[in-house]
Amino acid sequence: MAMRWFKRLWNIVRRLSGDDAYERYLAHWHEHHAHDGGQPLSQQAFFKAEQARKWNGVRRCC
């Protein structure tokens, strides 16, 4: 029981921190895009794309 509770808590922490983003991307890709052919991004390519998405175009005054 305690181990199941710990795993659930750990999954919540990973989701909130974004640590499980690649796993969620793969699940989404397999569910929605696998039938189109092709391959999902590698973990490294996914990380680079996410960093570019988050930080390119950031407009700050300071």
C-alpha atoms as a PDB file:
ATOM      1  CA  MET A   1       0.000   0.000   0.000  1.00  0.00           C
ATOM      2  CA  ALA A   2       2.733   2.465   0.963  1.00  0.00           C
ATOM      3  CA  MET A   3       4.733   1.658  -2.169  1.00  0.00           C
ATOM      4  CA  ARG A   4       1.720   2.318  -4.393  1.00  0.00           C
ATOM      5  CA  TRP A   5       1.124   5.631  -2.626  1.00  0.00           C
ATOM      6  CA  PHE A   6       4.798   6.571  -3.060  1.00  0.00           C
ATOM      7  CA  LYS A   7       4.712   5.719  -6.785  1.00  0.00           C
ATOM      8  CA  ARG A   8       1.596   7.830  -7.257  1.00  0.00           C
ATOM      9  CA  LEU A   9       3.207  10.743  -5.420  1.00  0.00           C
ATOM     10  CA  TRP A  10       6.403  10.334  -7.442  1.00  0.00           C
ATOM     11  CA  ASN A  11       4.403  10.397 -10.710  1.00  0.00           C
ATOM     12  CA  ILE A  12       2.695  13.604  -9.599  1.00  0.00           C
ATOM     13  CA  VAL A  13       6.056  15.217  -8.808  1.00  0.00           C
ATOM     14  CA  ARG A  14       7.469  14.142 -12.187  1.00  0.00           C
ATOM     15  CA  ARG A  15       4.431  15.528 -14.005  1.00  0.00           C
ATOM     16  CA  LEU A  16       4.541  18.858 -12.191  1.00  0.00           C
ATOM     17  CA  SER A  17       8.272  19.259 -12.810  1.00  0.00           C
ATOM     18  CA  GLY A  18       8.019  18.243 -16.475  1.00  0.00           C
ATOM     19  CA  ASP A  19      10.385  15.332 -15.954  1.00  0.00           C
ATOM     20  CA  ASP A  20       7.987  12.944 -17.700  1.00  0.00           C
ATOM     21  CA  ALA A  21       7.522  15.148 -20.783  1.00  0.00           C
ATOM     22  CA  TYR A  22       9.304  12.760 -23.156  1.00  0.00           C
ATOM     23  CA  GLU A  23       7.269   9.776 -21.970  1.00  0.00           C
ATOM     24  CA  ARG A  24       4.056  11.777 -22.423  1.00  0.00           C
ATOM     25  CA  TYR A  25       5.247  12.854 -25.898  1.00  0.00           C
ATOM     26  CA  LEU A  26       5.874   9.231 -26.901  1.00  0.00           C
ATOM     27  CA  ALA A  27       2.457   8.137 -25.657  1.00  0.00           C
ATOM     28  CA  HIS A  28       0.813  10.985 -27.608  1.00  0.00           C
ATOM     29  CA  TRP A  29       2.856  10.241 -30.734  1.00  0.00           C
ATOM     30  CA  HIS A  30       1.955   6.544 -30.686  1.00  0.00           C
ATOM     31  CA  GLU A  31      -1.721   7.310 -30.121  1.00  0.00           C
ATOM     32  CA  HIS A  32      -2.124  10.080 -32.701  1.00  0.00           C
ATOM     33  CA  HIS A  33       0.727   9.963 -35.239  1.00  0.00           C
ATOM     34  CA  ALA A  34       2.125   6.431 -35.503  1.00  0.00           C
ATOM     35  CA  HIS A  35      -0.350   5.488 -38.233  1.00  0.00           C
ATOM     36  CA  ASP A  36       1.111   8.250 -40.461  1.00  0.00           C
ATOM     37  CA  GLY A  37       4.461   6.475 -40.545  1.00  0.00           C
ATOM     38  CA  GLY A  38       7.760   7.992 -39.579  1.00  0.00           C
ATOM     39  CA  GLN A  39       9.524   7.887 -36.267  1.00  0.00           C
ATOM     40  CA  PRO A  40       9.088   9.903 -33.079  1.00  0.00           C
ATOM     41  CA  LEU A  41      11.832  12.327 -32.085  1.00  0.00           C
ATOM     42  CA  SER A  42      14.750  10.950 -30.136  1.00  0.00           C
ATOM     43  CA  GLN A  43      15.012  12.043 -26.531  1.00  0.00           C
ATOM     44  CA  GLN A  44      17.812  14.463 -27.414  1.00  0.00           C
ATOM     45  CA  ALA A  45      15.918  15.950 -30.370  1.00  0.00           C
ATOM     46  CA  PHE A  46      12.790  16.286 -28.236  1.00  0.00           C
ATOM     47  CA  PHE A  47      14.742  18.115 -25.525  1.00  0.00           C
ATOM     48  CA  LYS A  48      16.273  20.530 -28.059  1.00  0.00           C
ATOM     49  CA  ALA A  49      12.884  21.183 -29.659  1.00  0.00           C
ATOM     50  CA  GLU A  50      11.281  21.841 -26.263  1.00  0.00           C
ATOM     51  CA  GLN A  51      14.053  24.249 -25.290  1.00  0.00           C
ATOM     52  CA  ALA A  52      13.648  26.093 -28.594  1.00  0.00           C
ATOM     53  CA  ARG A  53       9.869  26.211 -28.167  1.00  0.00           C
ATOM     54  CA  LYS A  54      10.177  27.594 -24.646  1.00  0.00           C
ATOM     55  CA  TRP A  55      12.945  30.118 -25.194  1.00  0.00           C
ATOM     56  CA  ASN A  56      12.958  31.257 -28.835  1.00  0.00           C
ATOM     57  CA  GLY A  57      10.906  34.348 -29.227  1.00  0.00           C
ATOM     58  CA  VAL A  58      10.957  35.257 -25.549  1.00  0.00           C
ATOM     59  CA  ARG A  59      10.513  38.996 -25.406  1.00  0.00           C
ATOM     60  CA  ARG A  60      11.448  40.643 -22.173  1.00  0.00           C
ATOM     61  CA  CYS A  61      12.005  44.221 -21.359  1.00  0.00           C
ATOM     62  CA  CYS A  62      14.885  43.544 -18.961  1.00  0.00           C
END
